[in-house]
Amino acid sequence: MVLVPLAIVAAIVLVVVRVSRTSAPPTSPDAPAASPAERLAQLDRLRDEGRISPTEYEQTRARILGEL
């Protein structure tokens, strides 16, 4: 009886992993890297949307600025 729910959960996890891998935009080795200004703008959007914590925002912002 325990195996049926466990199998269902495993199937769901597999589907989620496959979907997340296929929905990611393809990266090309020839694609230009985003500029620091573009990366900072994207970081601001993530913060404004509440998708990253204030700590993640500050750490990532410092890393981007440190690369300049």
PDB file of N, CA and C in Angstrom:
ATOM      1  N   MET A   1       0.805  -1.205   0.000  1.00  0.00           N
ATOM      2  CA  MET A   1       0.000   0.000   0.000  1.00  0.00           C
ATOM      3  C   MET A   1       0.853   1.276   0.000  1.00  0.00           C
ATOM      4  N   VAL A   2       1.998   1.221   0.584  1.00  0.00           N
ATOM      5  CA  VAL A   2       2.872   2.384   0.627  1.00  0.00           C
ATOM      6  C   VAL A   2       3.527   2.613  -0.733  1.00  0.00           C
ATOM      7  N   LEU A   3       3.701   1.576  -1.498  1.00  0.00           N
ATOM      8  CA  LEU A   3       4.396   1.696  -2.774  1.00  0.00           C
ATOM      9  C   LEU A   3       3.613   2.490  -3.807  1.00  0.00           C
ATOM     10  N   VAL A   4       2.303   2.436  -3.791  1.00  0.00           N
ATOM     11  CA  VAL A   4       1.508   3.158  -4.788  1.00  0.00           C
ATOM     12  C   VAL A   4       1.675   4.668  -4.632  1.00  0.00           C
ATOM     13  N   PRO A   5       1.481   5.231  -3.438  1.00  0.00           N
ATOM     14  CA  PRO A   5       1.709   6.688  -3.313  1.00  0.00           C
ATOM     15  C   PRO A   5       3.161   7.075  -3.606  1.00  0.00           C
ATOM     16  N   LEU A   6       4.093   6.218  -3.210  1.00  0.00           N
ATOM     17  CA  LEU A   6       5.494   6.500  -3.474  1.00  0.00           C
ATOM     18  C   LEU A   6       5.774   6.521  -4.975  1.00  0.00           C
ATOM     19  N   ALA A   7       5.190   5.607  -5.719  1.00  0.00           N
ATOM     20  CA  ALA A   7       5.353   5.575  -7.168  1.00  0.00           C
ATOM     21  C   ALA A   7       4.733   6.806  -7.818  1.00  0.00           C
ATOM     22  N   ILE A   8       3.605   7.249  -7.310  1.00  0.00           N
ATOM     23  CA  ILE A   8       2.951   8.447  -7.847  1.00  0.00           C
ATOM     24  C   ILE A   8       3.832   9.672  -7.626  1.00  0.00           C
ATOM     25  N   VAL A   9       4.383   9.803  -6.430  1.00  0.00           N
ATOM     26  CA  VAL A   9       5.256  10.943  -6.126  1.00  0.00           C
ATOM     27  C   VAL A   9       6.503  10.901  -7.013  1.00  0.00           C
ATOM     28  N   ALA A  10       7.079   9.724  -7.189  1.00  0.00           N
ATOM     29  CA  ALA A  10       8.264   9.596  -8.043  1.00  0.00           C
ATOM     30  C   ALA A  10       7.942   9.990  -9.483  1.00  0.00           C
ATOM     31  N   ALA A  11       6.787   9.589  -9.983  1.00  0.00           N
ATOM     32  CA  ALA A  11       6.390   9.944 -11.349  1.00  0.00           C
ATOM     33  C   ALA A  11       6.215  11.453 -11.489  1.00  0.00           C
ATOM     34  N   ILE A  12       5.615  12.072 -10.498  1.00  0.00           N
ATOM     35  CA  ILE A  12       5.420  13.527 -10.535  1.00  0.00           C
ATOM     36  C   ILE A  12       6.769  14.238 -10.542  1.00  0.00           C
ATOM     37  N   VAL A  13       7.688  13.783  -9.703  1.00  0.00           N
ATOM     38  CA  VAL A  13       9.016  14.401  -9.648  1.00  0.00           C
ATOM     39  C   VAL A  13       9.712  14.275 -10.997  1.00  0.00           C
ATOM     40  N   LEU A  14       9.645  13.118 -11.619  1.00  0.00           N
ATOM     41  CA  LEU A  14      10.271  12.934 -12.924  1.00  0.00           C
ATOM     42  C   LEU A  14       9.682  13.871 -13.977  1.00  0.00           C
ATOM     43  N   VAL A  15       8.371  14.026 -13.964  1.00  0.00           N
ATOM     44  CA  VAL A  15       7.722  14.913 -14.930  1.00  0.00           C
ATOM     45  C   VAL A  15       8.166  16.356 -14.698  1.00  0.00           C
ATOM     46  N   VAL A  16       8.200  16.788 -13.452  1.00  0.00           N
ATOM     47  CA  VAL A  16       8.596  18.162 -13.141  1.00  0.00           C
ATOM     48  C   VAL A  16      10.043  18.412 -13.579  1.00  0.00           C
ATOM     49  N   VAL A  17      10.917  17.463 -13.327  1.00  0.00           N
ATOM     50  CA  VAL A  17      12.322  17.632 -13.720  1.00  0.00           C
ATOM     51  C   VAL A  17      12.439  17.722 -15.234  1.00  0.00           C
ATOM     52  N   ARG A  18      11.755  16.858 -15.947  1.00  0.00           N
ATOM     53  CA  ARG A  18      11.834  16.897 -17.415  1.00  0.00           C
ATOM     54  C   ARG A  18      11.267  18.186 -17.981  1.00  0.00           C
ATOM     55  N   VAL A  19      10.151  18.645 -17.435  1.00  0.00           N
ATOM     56  CA  VAL A  19       9.541  19.882 -17.925  1.00  0.00           C
ATOM     57  C   VAL A  19      10.457  21.066 -17.642  1.00  0.00           C
ATOM     58  N   SER A  20      11.063  21.092 -16.464  1.00  0.00           N
ATOM     59  CA  SER A  20      11.940  22.215 -16.133  1.00  0.00           C
ATOM     60  C   SER A  20      13.167  22.239 -17.036  1.00  0.00           C
ATOM     61  N   ARG A  21      13.648  21.091 -17.432  1.00  0.00           N
ATOM     62  CA  ARG A  21      14.805  21.044 -18.326  1.00  0.00           C
ATOM     63  C   ARG A  21      14.440  21.489 -19.736  1.00  0.00           C
ATOM     64  N   THR A  22      13.255  21.136 -20.204  1.00  0.00           N
ATOM     65  CA  THR A  22      12.879  21.495 -21.566  1.00  0.00           C
ATOM     66  C   THR A  22      12.373  22.923 -21.665  1.00  0.00           C
ATOM     67  N   SER A  23      11.917  23.516 -20.565  1.00  0.00           N
ATOM     68  CA  SER A  23      11.388  24.872 -20.639  1.00  0.00           C
ATOM     69  C   SER A  23      12.477  25.927 -20.491  1.00  0.00           C
ATOM     70  N   ALA A  24      13.679  25.522 -20.114  1.00  0.00           N
ATOM     71  CA  ALA A  24      14.775  26.474 -20.002  1.00  0.00           C
ATOM     72  C   ALA A  24      15.204  26.913 -21.400  1.00  0.00           C
ATOM     73  N   PRO A  25      15.468  28.199 -21.567  1.00  0.00           N
ATOM     74  CA  PRO A  25      15.880  28.668 -22.892  1.00  0.00           C
ATOM     75  C   PRO A  25      17.215  28.051 -23.277  1.00  0.00           C
ATOM     76  N   PRO A  26      17.346  27.651 -24.514  1.00  0.00           N
ATOM     77  CA  PRO A  26      18.612  27.046 -24.940  1.00  0.00           C
ATOM     78  C   PRO A  26      19.725  28.083 -24.941  1.00  0.00           C
ATOM     79  N   THR A  27      20.876  27.640 -24.541  1.00  0.00           N
ATOM     80  CA  THR A  27      22.017  28.544 -24.560  1.00  0.00           C
ATOM     81  C   THR A  27      22.945  28.113 -25.676  1.00  0.00           C
ATOM     82  N   SER A  28      23.450  29.095 -26.356  1.00  0.00           N
ATOM     83  CA  SER A  28      24.351  28.841 -27.459  1.00  0.00           C
ATOM     84  C   SER A  28      25.735  29.327 -27.068  1.00  0.00           C
ATOM     85  N   PRO A  29      26.762  28.578 -27.405  1.00  0.00           N
ATOM     86  CA  PRO A  29      28.106  29.052 -27.081  1.00  0.00           C
ATOM     87  C   PRO A  29      28.431  30.368 -27.773  1.00  0.00           C
ATOM     88  N   ASP A  30      27.733  30.651 -28.885  1.00  0.00           N
ATOM     89  CA  ASP A  30      27.976  31.887 -29.623  1.00  0.00           C
ATOM     90  C   ASP A  30      27.129  33.055 -29.123  1.00  0.00           C
ATOM     91  N   ALA A  31      26.203  32.780 -28.206  1.00  0.00           N
ATOM     92  CA  ALA A  31      25.327  33.832 -27.704  1.00  0.00           C
ATOM     93  C   ALA A  31      26.142  34.801 -26.851  1.00  0.00           C
ATOM     94  N   PRO A  32      25.940  36.095 -27.057  1.00  0.00           N
ATOM     95  CA  PRO A  32      26.683  37.068 -26.263  1.00  0.00           C
ATOM     96  C   PRO A  32      26.217  37.046 -24.811  1.00  0.00           C
ATOM     97  N   ALA A  33      27.166  37.225 -23.915  1.00  0.00           N
ATOM     98  CA  ALA A  33      26.828  37.258 -22.496  1.00  0.00           C
ATOM     99  C   ALA A  33      26.092  38.563 -22.190  1.00  0.00           C
ATOM    100  N   ALA A  34      25.202  38.501 -21.228  1.00  0.00           N
ATOM    101  CA  ALA A  34      24.467  39.693 -20.831  1.00  0.00           C
ATOM    102  C   ALA A  34      25.441  40.688 -20.198  1.00  0.00           C
ATOM    103  N   SER A  35      25.231  41.947 -20.478  1.00  0.00           N
ATOM    104  CA  SER A  35      26.086  42.985 -19.914  1.00  0.00           C
ATOM    105  C   SER A  35      25.774  43.121 -18.421  1.00  0.00           C
ATOM    106  N   PRO A  36      26.696  43.704 -17.668  1.00  0.00           N
ATOM    107  CA  PRO A  36      26.409  43.913 -16.246  1.00  0.00           C
ATOM    108  C   PRO A  36      25.134  44.728 -16.031  1.00  0.00           C
ATOM    109  N   ALA A  37      24.879  45.711 -16.881  1.00  0.00           N
ATOM    110  CA  ALA A  37      23.670  46.524 -16.748  1.00  0.00           C
ATOM    111  C   ALA A  37      22.419  45.664 -16.947  1.00  0.00           C
ATOM    112  N   GLU A  38      22.470  44.754 -17.930  1.00  0.00           N
ATOM    113  CA  GLU A  38      21.335  43.863 -18.172  1.00  0.00           C
ATOM    114  C   GLU A  38      21.146  42.896 -17.005  1.00  0.00           C
ATOM    115  N   ARG A  39      22.255  42.387 -16.485  1.00  0.00           N
ATOM    116  CA  ARG A  39      22.163  41.466 -15.353  1.00  0.00           C
ATOM    117  C   ARG A  39      21.617  42.159 -14.116  1.00  0.00           C
ATOM    118  N   LEU A  40      22.036  43.403 -13.880  1.00  0.00           N
ATOM    119  CA  LEU A  40      21.519  44.160 -12.731  1.00  0.00           C
ATOM    120  C   LEU A  40      20.034  44.466 -12.902  1.00  0.00           C
ATOM    121  N   ALA A  41      19.620  44.784 -14.131  1.00  0.00           N
ATOM    122  CA  ALA A  41      18.199  45.050 -14.389  1.00  0.00           C
ATOM    123  C   ALA A  41      17.365  43.789 -14.139  1.00  0.00           C
ATOM    124  N   GLN A  42      17.887  42.646 -14.597  1.00  0.00           N
ATOM    125  CA  GLN A  42      17.172  41.388 -14.359  1.00  0.00           C
ATOM    126  C   GLN A  42      17.117  41.091 -12.863  1.00  0.00           C
ATOM    127  N   LEU A  43      18.194  41.349 -12.159  1.00  0.00           N
ATOM    128  CA  LEU A  43      18.229  41.140 -10.718  1.00  0.00           C
ATOM    129  C   LEU A  43      17.203  42.027 -10.021  1.00  0.00           C
ATOM    130  N   ASP A  44      17.090  43.279 -10.449  1.00  0.00           N
ATOM    131  CA  ASP A  44      16.086  44.184  -9.887  1.00  0.00           C
ATOM    132  C   ASP A  44      14.672  43.652 -10.117  1.00  0.00           C
ATOM    133  N   ARG A  45      14.422  43.120 -11.319  1.00  0.00           N
ATOM    134  CA  ARG A  45      13.094  42.557 -11.622  1.00  0.00           C
ATOM    135  C   ARG A  45      12.788  41.371 -10.707  1.00  0.00           C
ATOM    136  N   LEU A  46      13.768  40.509 -10.514  1.00  0.00           N
ATOM    137  CA  LEU A  46      13.560  39.348  -9.639  1.00  0.00           C
ATOM    138  C   LEU A  46      13.244  39.795  -8.212  1.00  0.00           C
ATOM    139  N   ARG A  47      13.952  40.824  -7.741  1.00  0.00           N
ATOM    140  CA  ARG A  47      13.683  41.350  -6.402  1.00  0.00           C
ATOM    141  C   ARG A  47      12.292  41.964  -6.326  1.00  0.00           C
ATOM    142  N   ASP A  48      11.944  42.773  -7.331  1.00  0.00           N
ATOM    143  CA  ASP A  48      10.643  43.440  -7.339  1.00  0.00           C
ATOM    144  C   ASP A  48       9.487  42.446  -7.403  1.00  0.00           C
ATOM    145  N   GLU A  49       9.710  41.309  -8.073  1.00  0.00           N
ATOM    146  CA  GLU A  49       8.680  40.273  -8.183  1.00  0.00           C
ATOM    147  C   GLU A  49       8.648  39.363  -6.956  1.00  0.00           C
ATOM    148  N   GLY A  50       9.592  39.565  -6.042  1.00  0.00           N
ATOM    149  CA  GLY A  50       9.642  38.743  -4.842  1.00  0.00           C
ATOM    150  C   GLY A  50      10.178  37.336  -5.083  1.00  0.00           C
ATOM    151  N   ARG A  51      10.902  37.161  -6.173  1.00  0.00           N
ATOM    152  CA  ARG A  51      11.397  35.823  -6.521  1.00  0.00           C
ATOM    153  C   ARG A  51      12.740  35.508  -5.878  1.00  0.00           C
ATOM    154  N   ILE A  52      13.409  36.518  -5.312  1.00  0.00           N
ATOM    155  CA  ILE A  52      14.648  36.287  -4.577  1.00  0.00           C
ATOM    156  C   ILE A  52      14.577  37.062  -3.264  1.00  0.00           C
ATOM    157  N   SER A  53      15.321  36.604  -2.297  1.00  0.00           N
ATOM    158  CA  SER A  53      15.331  37.252  -0.979  1.00  0.00           C
ATOM    159  C   SER A  53      16.239  38.482  -1.019  1.00  0.00           C
ATOM    160  N   PRO A  54      16.079  39.374  -0.045  1.00  0.00           N
ATOM    161  CA  PRO A  54      16.970  40.539   0.018  1.00  0.00           C
ATOM    162  C   PRO A  54      18.445  40.129   0.128  1.00  0.00           C
ATOM    163  N   THR A  55      18.713  39.051   0.840  1.00  0.00           N
ATOM    164  CA  THR A  55      20.098  38.583   0.974  1.00  0.00           C
ATOM    165  C   THR A  55      20.638  38.102  -0.361  1.00  0.00           C
ATOM    166  N   GLU A  56      19.844  37.334  -1.102  1.00  0.00           N
ATOM    167  CA  GLU A  56      20.272  36.872  -2.425  1.00  0.00           C
ATOM    168  C   GLU A  56      20.507  38.058  -3.348  1.00  0.00           C
ATOM    169  N   TYR A  57      19.631  39.043  -3.259  1.00  0.00           N
ATOM    170  CA  TYR A  57      19.773  40.242  -4.091  1.00  0.00           C
ATOM    171  C   TYR A  57      21.107  40.932  -3.814  1.00  0.00           C
ATOM    172  N   GLU A  58      21.392  41.178  -2.543  1.00  0.00           N
ATOM    173  CA  GLU A  58      22.617  41.896  -2.182  1.00  0.00           C
ATOM    174  C   GLU A  58      23.863  41.105  -2.570  1.00  0.00           C
ATOM    175  N   GLN A  59      23.851  39.788  -2.344  1.00  0.00           N
ATOM    176  CA  GLN A  59      25.016  38.965  -2.678  1.00  0.00           C
ATOM    177  C   GLN A  59      25.262  38.953  -4.182  1.00  0.00           C
ATOM    178  N   THR A  60      24.200  38.775  -4.948  1.00  0.00           N
ATOM    179  CA  THR A  60      24.347  38.707  -6.403  1.00  0.00           C
ATOM    180  C   THR A  60      24.747  40.062  -6.967  1.00  0.00           C
ATOM    181  N   ARG A  61      24.163  41.126  -6.443  1.00  0.00           N
ATOM    182  CA  ARG A  61      24.509  42.479  -6.901  1.00  0.00           C
ATOM    183  C   ARG A  61      25.984  42.768  -6.629  1.00  0.00           C
ATOM    184  N   ALA A  62      26.460  42.398  -5.452  1.00  0.00           N
ATOM    185  CA  ALA A  62      27.865  42.615  -5.119  1.00  0.00           C
ATOM    186  C   ALA A  62      28.767  41.806  -6.045  1.00  0.00           C
ATOM    187  N   ARG A  63      28.375  40.584  -6.371  1.00  0.00           N
ATOM    188  CA  ARG A  63      29.185  39.759  -7.268  1.00  0.00           C
ATOM    189  C   ARG A  63      29.258  40.383  -8.660  1.00  0.00           C
ATOM    190  N   ILE A  64      28.108  40.848  -9.175  1.00  0.00           N
ATOM    191  CA  ILE A  64      28.089  41.459 -10.504  1.00  0.00           C
ATOM    192  C   ILE A  64      28.957  42.713 -10.516  1.00  0.00           C
ATOM    193  N   LEU A  65      28.813  43.549  -9.507  1.00  0.00           N
ATOM    194  CA  LEU A  65      29.599  44.772  -9.456  1.00  0.00           C
ATOM    195  C   LEU A  65      31.091  44.464  -9.257  1.00  0.00           C
ATOM    196  N   GLY A  66      31.400  43.379  -8.554  1.00  0.00           N
ATOM    197  CA  GLY A  66      32.788  42.991  -8.347  1.00  0.00           C
ATOM    198  C   GLY A  66      33.464  42.512  -9.621  1.00  0.00           C
ATOM    199  N   GLU A  67      32.660  42.099 -10.610  1.00  0.00           N
ATOM    200  CA  GLU A  67      33.214  41.640 -11.888  1.00  0.00           C
ATOM    201  C   GLU A  67      33.583  42.797 -12.816  1.00  0.00           C
ATOM    202  N   LEU A  68      33.189  44.005 -12.461  1.00  0.00           N
ATOM    203  CA  LEU A  68      33.476  45.162 -13.321  1.00  0.00           C
ATOM    204  C   LEU A  68      34.939  45.547 -13.282  1.00  0.00           C
TER     205      LEU A  68
END
